[in-house]
């Protein structure tokens, strides 16, 4: 299965200078086509409303919405898929969402990557590749060599400290895509930032 885009935008409403739906709209207007609704600390009813809004925005541009961890919410809003916290959740998500759903697993080591492949995930986000301001303490940085090894196992989206300069390095060693949160969520000019990730 091919991924929806080479850039995955990870939401963080706490980092936005405006409401998250407006920030996502700006990202889509700037060319982004794959959005991961994270914001797990939102109360479920509010997160559901936000997911509906984002699903509509993304659908209008032919993009893909991934919902963080909530399989039922992904099914309800017709999301492209779900980002799971562990490989053990893949089988149930596949049974609920079907063969066509895009299932990702958050991985933090090569053993996590191998487990995700064995479980039948479509891709992993591997983090942190570099030290990250958005999630201090999520270290140590794995680095490009671990990313290279992981990319030999299955499709990998590089996450953690990725910026416009390091995105190309991640792709060179085999990352199928890069994921960005803080650099886009906190940017003053989204239109100027998103194209720099290629």
C-alpha atoms as a PDB file:
ATOM      1  CA  UNK A   1       0.000   0.000   0.000  1.00  0.00           C
ATOM      2  CA  UNK A   2       1.358   3.427  -0.927  1.00  0.00           C
ATOM      3  CA  UNK A   3       1.062   6.242   1.586  1.00  0.00           C
ATOM      4  CA  UNK A   4      -1.121   9.300   0.915  1.00  0.00           C
ATOM      5  CA  UNK A   5       1.762  11.785   0.811  1.00  0.00           C
ATOM      6  CA  UNK A   6       5.455  12.279   1.557  1.00  0.00           C
ATOM      7  CA  UNK A   7       4.570  14.680   4.396  1.00  0.00           C
ATOM      8  CA  UNK A   8       2.367  13.792   7.371  1.00  0.00           C
ATOM      9  CA  UNK A   9       1.140  16.755   9.440  1.00  0.00           C
ATOM     10  CA  UNK A  10       0.621  15.889  13.116  1.00  0.00           C
ATOM     11  CA  UNK A  11      -1.871  18.112  14.932  1.00  0.00           C
ATOM     12  CA  UNK A  12      -1.241  19.946  18.187  1.00  0.00           C
ATOM     13  CA  UNK A  13      -3.869  22.531  19.026  1.00  0.00           C
ATOM     14  CA  UNK A  14      -1.766  23.778  21.954  1.00  0.00           C
ATOM     15  CA  UNK A  15       0.925  24.938  19.549  1.00  0.00           C
ATOM     16  CA  UNK A  16      -1.358  26.787  17.129  1.00  0.00           C
ATOM     17  CA  UNK A  17      -1.859  30.531  17.193  1.00  0.00           C
ATOM     18  CA  UNK A  18      -5.407  29.951  15.848  1.00  0.00           C
ATOM     19  CA  UNK A  19      -8.099  27.238  16.182  1.00  0.00           C
ATOM     20  CA  UNK A  20      -6.810  23.858  15.006  1.00  0.00           C
ATOM     21  CA  UNK A  21      -9.349  23.519  12.191  1.00  0.00           C
ATOM     22  CA  UNK A  22      -8.135  26.850  10.788  1.00  0.00           C
ATOM     23  CA  UNK A  23      -4.519  25.717  11.007  1.00  0.00           C
ATOM     24  CA  UNK A  24      -5.339  22.459   9.212  1.00  0.00           C
ATOM     25  CA  UNK A  25      -7.201  24.411   6.528  1.00  0.00           C
ATOM     26  CA  UNK A  26      -4.080  26.537   6.037  1.00  0.00           C
ATOM     27  CA  UNK A  27      -1.927  23.395   5.798  1.00  0.00           C
ATOM     28  CA  UNK A  28      -4.210  21.948   3.138  1.00  0.00           C
ATOM     29  CA  UNK A  29      -4.231  25.242   1.229  1.00  0.00           C
ATOM     30  CA  UNK A  30      -0.418  25.131   1.308  1.00  0.00           C
ATOM     31  CA  UNK A  31      -0.394  21.687  -0.290  1.00  0.00           C
ATOM     32  CA  UNK A  32      -0.468  19.239   2.633  1.00  0.00           C
ATOM     33  CA  UNK A  33      -2.578  16.155   1.908  1.00  0.00           C
ATOM     34  CA  UNK A  34      -2.122  13.860   4.928  1.00  0.00           C
ATOM     35  CA  UNK A  35      -3.258  14.920   8.413  1.00  0.00           C
ATOM     36  CA  UNK A  36      -2.962  12.936  11.646  1.00  0.00           C
ATOM     37  CA  UNK A  37      -5.458  14.098  14.281  1.00  0.00           C
ATOM     38  CA  UNK A  38      -3.539  13.552  17.491  1.00  0.00           C
ATOM     39  CA  UNK A  39      -4.731  15.816  20.356  1.00  0.00           C
ATOM     40  CA  UNK A  40      -5.581  12.846  22.543  1.00  0.00           C
ATOM     41  CA  UNK A  41      -6.221  15.052  25.586  1.00  0.00           C
ATOM     42  CA  UNK A  42      -9.398  16.499  24.086  1.00  0.00           C
ATOM     43  CA  UNK A  43     -12.625  15.225  25.675  1.00  0.00           C
ATOM     44  CA  UNK A  44     -14.156  12.552  23.433  1.00  0.00           C
ATOM     45  CA  UNK A  45     -17.204  14.583  22.315  1.00  0.00           C
ATOM     46  CA  UNK A  46     -15.030  17.566  21.326  1.00  0.00           C
ATOM     47  CA  UNK A  47     -12.526  15.335  19.567  1.00  0.00           C
ATOM     48  CA  UNK A  48     -15.363  13.715  17.618  1.00  0.00           C
ATOM     49  CA  UNK A  49     -16.654  17.102  16.440  1.00  0.00           C
ATOM     50  CA  UNK A  50     -13.142  18.155  15.462  1.00  0.00           C
ATOM     51  CA  UNK A  51     -12.598  14.872  13.605  1.00  0.00           C
ATOM     52  CA  UNK A  52     -15.795  15.428  11.603  1.00  0.00           C
ATOM     53  CA  UNK A  53     -14.648  18.928  10.674  1.00  0.00           C
ATOM     54  CA  UNK A  54     -11.174  17.797   9.640  1.00  0.00           C
ATOM     55  CA  UNK A  55     -12.561  14.830   7.697  1.00  0.00           C
ATOM     56  CA  UNK A  56     -14.636  17.235   5.635  1.00  0.00           C
ATOM     57  CA  UNK A  57     -11.723  19.587   5.042  1.00  0.00           C
ATOM     58  CA  UNK A  58      -9.396  16.788   3.986  1.00  0.00           C
ATOM     59  CA  UNK A  59     -11.990  15.125   1.754  1.00  0.00           C
ATOM     60  CA  UNK A  60     -12.559  18.360  -0.156  1.00  0.00           C
ATOM     61  CA  UNK A  61      -8.944  18.358  -1.357  1.00  0.00           C
ATOM     62  CA  UNK A  62      -8.703  14.610  -1.921  1.00  0.00           C
ATOM     63  CA  UNK A  63      -6.417  14.122   1.069  1.00  0.00           C
ATOM     64  CA  UNK A  64      -6.273  11.529   3.837  1.00  0.00           C
ATOM     65  CA  UNK A  65      -7.103  11.850   7.535  1.00  0.00           C
ATOM     66  CA  UNK A  66      -5.560   9.528  10.085  1.00  0.00           C
ATOM     67  CA  UNK A  67      -7.104   9.402  13.562  1.00  0.00           C
ATOM     68  CA  UNK A  68      -4.781   8.825  16.509  1.00  0.00           C
ATOM     69  CA  UNK A  69      -5.628   5.598  18.374  1.00  0.00           C
ATOM     70  CA  UNK A  70      -9.435   5.798  18.247  1.00  0.00           C
ATOM     71  CA  UNK A  71     -10.570   3.091  15.827  1.00  0.00           C
ATOM     72  CA  UNK A  72     -14.281   3.739  16.396  1.00  0.00           C
ATOM     73  CA  UNK A  73     -13.885   7.445  15.709  1.00  0.00           C
ATOM     74  CA  UNK A  74     -11.940   6.667  12.535  1.00  0.00           C
ATOM     75  CA  UNK A  75     -14.785   4.430  11.396  1.00  0.00           C
ATOM     76  CA  UNK A  76     -17.415   7.022  12.300  1.00  0.00           C
ATOM     77  CA  UNK A  77     -15.880   9.883  10.296  1.00  0.00           C
ATOM     78  CA  UNK A  78     -14.721   7.741   7.384  1.00  0.00           C
ATOM     79  CA  UNK A  79     -11.034   8.447   8.012  1.00  0.00           C
ATOM     80  CA  UNK A  80      -8.411   6.865   5.771  1.00  0.00           C
ATOM     81  CA  UNK A  81      -6.975   5.064   8.763  1.00  0.00           C
ATOM     82  CA  UNK A  82      -5.754   5.109  12.313  1.00  0.00           C
ATOM     83  CA  UNK A  83      -2.416   5.606  14.053  1.00  0.00           C
ATOM     84  CA  UNK A  84      -2.070   2.936  16.732  1.00  0.00           C
ATOM     85  CA  UNK A  85       0.029   3.017  19.853  1.00  0.00           C
ATOM     86  CA  UNK A  86       1.248  -0.572  19.579  1.00  0.00           C
ATOM     87  CA  UNK A  87       1.447  -3.490  17.183  1.00  0.00           C
ATOM     88  CA  UNK A  88      -0.934  -5.522  19.336  1.00  0.00           C
ATOM     89  CA  UNK A  89      -3.811  -3.256  18.308  1.00  0.00           C
ATOM     90  CA  UNK A  90      -3.438  -3.878  14.556  1.00  0.00           C
ATOM     91  CA  UNK A  91      -5.558  -7.038  14.221  1.00  0.00           C
ATOM     92  CA  UNK A  92      -8.621  -5.548  15.913  1.00  0.00           C
ATOM     93  CA  UNK A  93      -8.299  -2.315  13.926  1.00  0.00           C
ATOM     94  CA  UNK A  94      -8.043  -4.254  10.668  1.00  0.00           C
ATOM     95  CA  UNK A  95     -11.112  -6.308  11.566  1.00  0.00           C
ATOM     96  CA  UNK A  96     -13.093  -3.151  12.336  1.00  0.00           C
ATOM     97  CA  UNK A  97     -11.905  -0.891   9.512  1.00  0.00           C
ATOM     98  CA  UNK A  98     -11.289  -3.386   6.724  1.00  0.00           C
ATOM     99  CA  UNK A  99      -8.470  -4.273   4.396  1.00  0.00           C
ATOM    100  CA  UNK A 100      -8.386  -0.863   2.722  1.00  0.00           C
ATOM    101  CA  UNK A 101      -7.760   1.097   5.925  1.00  0.00           C
ATOM    102  CA  UNK A 102      -4.336   2.645   6.397  1.00  0.00           C
ATOM    103  CA  UNK A 103      -2.950   1.333   9.676  1.00  0.00           C
ATOM    104  CA  UNK A 104       0.130   2.899  11.219  1.00  0.00           C
ATOM    105  CA  UNK A 105       1.917   2.025  14.443  1.00  0.00           C
ATOM    106  CA  UNK A 106       4.013   4.372  16.573  1.00  0.00           C
ATOM    107  CA  UNK A 107       7.443   2.745  16.895  1.00  0.00           C
ATOM    108  CA  UNK A 108      10.412   3.796  18.997  1.00  0.00           C
ATOM    109  CA  UNK A 109      12.879   0.972  18.278  1.00  0.00           C
ATOM    110  CA  UNK A 110      13.751  -1.607  15.656  1.00  0.00           C
ATOM    111  CA  UNK A 111      11.960  -4.262  17.695  1.00  0.00           C
ATOM    112  CA  UNK A 112       8.796  -2.124  17.566  1.00  0.00           C
ATOM    113  CA  UNK A 113       9.171  -1.892  13.781  1.00  0.00           C
ATOM    114  CA  UNK A 114       9.530  -5.661  13.413  1.00  0.00           C
ATOM    115  CA  UNK A 115       6.501  -6.240  15.632  1.00  0.00           C
ATOM    116  CA  UNK A 116       4.442  -3.842  13.524  1.00  0.00           C
ATOM    117  CA  UNK A 117       5.414  -5.662  10.352  1.00  0.00           C
ATOM    118  CA  UNK A 118       4.517  -9.023  11.857  1.00  0.00           C
ATOM    119  CA  UNK A 119       1.156  -7.628  12.986  1.00  0.00           C
ATOM    120  CA  UNK A 120       0.309  -6.469   9.474  1.00  0.00           C
ATOM    121  CA  UNK A 121       0.619  -2.682   9.859  1.00  0.00           C
ATOM    122  CA  UNK A 122       0.955  -0.682   6.657  1.00  0.00           C
ATOM    123  CA  UNK A 123       3.651   1.627   8.014  1.00  0.00           C
ATOM    124  CA  UNK A 124       5.276   2.839  11.209  1.00  0.00           C
ATOM    125  CA  UNK A 125       6.152   6.261  12.451  1.00  0.00           C
ATOM    126  CA  UNK A 126       9.614   5.913  13.962  1.00  0.00           C
ATOM    127  CA  UNK A 127      10.627   8.456  16.582  1.00  0.00           C
ATOM    128  CA  UNK A 128      12.485  10.378  17.695  1.00  0.00           C
ATOM    129  CA  UNK A 129      14.878  10.414  14.745  1.00  0.00           C
ATOM    130  CA  UNK A 130      16.380  13.668  16.044  1.00  0.00           C
ATOM    131  CA  UNK A 131      16.039  15.547  19.313  1.00  0.00           C
ATOM    132  CA  UNK A 132      12.730  17.365  19.311  1.00  0.00           C
ATOM    133  CA  UNK A 133      11.523  20.547  20.933  1.00  0.00           C
ATOM    134  CA  UNK A 134       7.899  19.375  20.780  1.00  0.00           C
ATOM    135  CA  UNK A 135       8.544  16.325  22.936  1.00  0.00           C
ATOM    136  CA  UNK A 136      11.582  16.937  25.118  1.00  0.00           C
ATOM    137  CA  UNK A 137      12.591  13.845  27.027  1.00  0.00           C
ATOM    138  CA  UNK A 138      11.560  11.521  24.187  1.00  0.00           C
ATOM    139  CA  UNK A 139      15.171  10.573  23.670  1.00  0.00           C
ATOM    140  CA  UNK A 140      17.705   9.526  22.948  1.00  0.00           C
ATOM    141  CA  UNK A 141      17.508  10.391  19.266  1.00  0.00           C
ATOM    142  CA  UNK A 142      17.575   7.227  17.150  1.00  0.00           C
ATOM    143  CA  UNK A 143      19.469   8.806  14.260  1.00  0.00           C
ATOM    144  CA  UNK A 144      19.662   8.112  10.563  1.00  0.00           C
ATOM    145  CA  UNK A 145      21.345   4.702  10.816  1.00  0.00           C
ATOM    146  CA  UNK A 146      18.468   3.217  12.820  1.00  0.00           C
ATOM    147  CA  UNK A 147      16.076   4.847  10.356  1.00  0.00           C
ATOM    148  CA  UNK A 148      17.939   3.174   7.490  1.00  0.00           C
ATOM    149  CA  UNK A 149      17.689  -0.242   9.166  1.00  0.00           C
ATOM    150  CA  UNK A 150      13.997   0.251   9.928  1.00  0.00           C
ATOM    151  CA  UNK A 151      13.247   1.228   6.328  1.00  0.00           C
ATOM    152  CA  UNK A 152      14.628  -2.131   5.220  1.00  0.00           C
ATOM    153  CA  UNK A 153      11.956  -3.833   7.346  1.00  0.00           C
ATOM    154  CA  UNK A 154       8.825  -1.932   6.255  1.00  0.00           C
ATOM    155  CA  UNK A 155       7.594   1.534   5.167  1.00  0.00           C
ATOM    156  CA  UNK A 156       8.743   4.118   7.715  1.00  0.00           C
ATOM    157  CA  UNK A 157       7.592   7.680   8.359  1.00  0.00           C
ATOM    158  CA  UNK A 158      10.386   9.584  10.112  1.00  0.00           C
ATOM    159  CA  UNK A 159       9.168  11.587  13.118  1.00  0.00           C
ATOM    160  CA  UNK A 160      10.817  13.696  15.776  1.00  0.00           C
ATOM    161  CA  UNK A 161      12.924  16.785  15.191  1.00  0.00           C
ATOM    162  CA  UNK A 162      12.456  16.635  11.432  1.00  0.00           C
ATOM    163  CA  UNK A 163      12.825  19.991   9.710  1.00  0.00           C
ATOM    164  CA  UNK A 164      13.232  21.173   6.139  1.00  0.00           C
ATOM    165  CA  UNK A 165      16.974  20.471   6.242  1.00  0.00           C
ATOM    166  CA  UNK A 166      16.789  16.965   7.695  1.00  0.00           C
ATOM    167  CA  UNK A 167      13.723  15.766   5.765  1.00  0.00           C
ATOM    168  CA  UNK A 168      15.768  15.056   2.649  1.00  0.00           C
ATOM    169  CA  UNK A 169      18.375  13.176   4.715  1.00  0.00           C
ATOM    170  CA  UNK A 170      15.588  10.991   6.130  1.00  0.00           C
ATOM    171  CA  UNK A 171      14.294  10.219   2.658  1.00  0.00           C
ATOM    172  CA  UNK A 172      17.798   9.459   1.405  1.00  0.00           C
ATOM    173  CA  UNK A 173      18.207   6.668   3.934  1.00  0.00           C
ATOM    174  CA  UNK A 174      14.850   5.155   3.057  1.00  0.00           C
ATOM    175  CA  UNK A 175      12.022   6.958   4.879  1.00  0.00           C
ATOM    176  CA  UNK A 176       8.935   6.815   2.699  1.00  0.00           C
ATOM    177  CA  UNK A 177       7.651  10.029   4.300  1.00  0.00           C
ATOM    178  CA  UNK A 178       8.369  12.471   7.114  1.00  0.00           C
ATOM    179  CA  UNK A 179       6.023  13.606   9.879  1.00  0.00           C
ATOM    180  CA  UNK A 180       6.076  17.099  11.339  1.00  0.00           C
ATOM    181  CA  UNK A 181       4.230  18.645  14.250  1.00  0.00           C
ATOM    182  CA  UNK A 182       5.823  21.647  15.936  1.00  0.00           C
ATOM    183  CA  UNK A 183       7.485  23.196  12.881  1.00  0.00           C
ATOM    184  CA  UNK A 184       4.093  23.425  11.182  1.00  0.00           C
ATOM    185  CA  UNK A 185       1.746  23.885  14.133  1.00  0.00           C
ATOM    186  CA  UNK A 186       3.775  26.783  15.551  1.00  0.00           C
ATOM    187  CA  UNK A 187       4.769  28.381  12.232  1.00  0.00           C
ATOM    188  CA  UNK A 188       3.800  31.986  11.633  1.00  0.00           C
ATOM    189  CA  UNK A 189       3.573  31.324   7.897  1.00  0.00           C
ATOM    190  CA  UNK A 190       2.357  27.820   7.059  1.00  0.00           C
ATOM    191  CA  UNK A 191       2.395  28.557   3.325  1.00  0.00           C
ATOM    192  CA  UNK A 192       6.089  29.300   3.571  1.00  0.00           C
ATOM    193  CA  UNK A 193       6.936  26.246   5.659  1.00  0.00           C
ATOM    194  CA  UNK A 194       5.113  23.292   4.111  1.00  0.00           C
ATOM    195  CA  UNK A 195       6.678  23.473   0.627  1.00  0.00           C
ATOM    196  CA  UNK A 196      10.162  23.348   2.195  1.00  0.00           C
ATOM    197  CA  UNK A 197       9.540  19.725   3.205  1.00  0.00           C
ATOM    198  CA  UNK A 198       9.405  18.686  -0.451  1.00  0.00           C
END
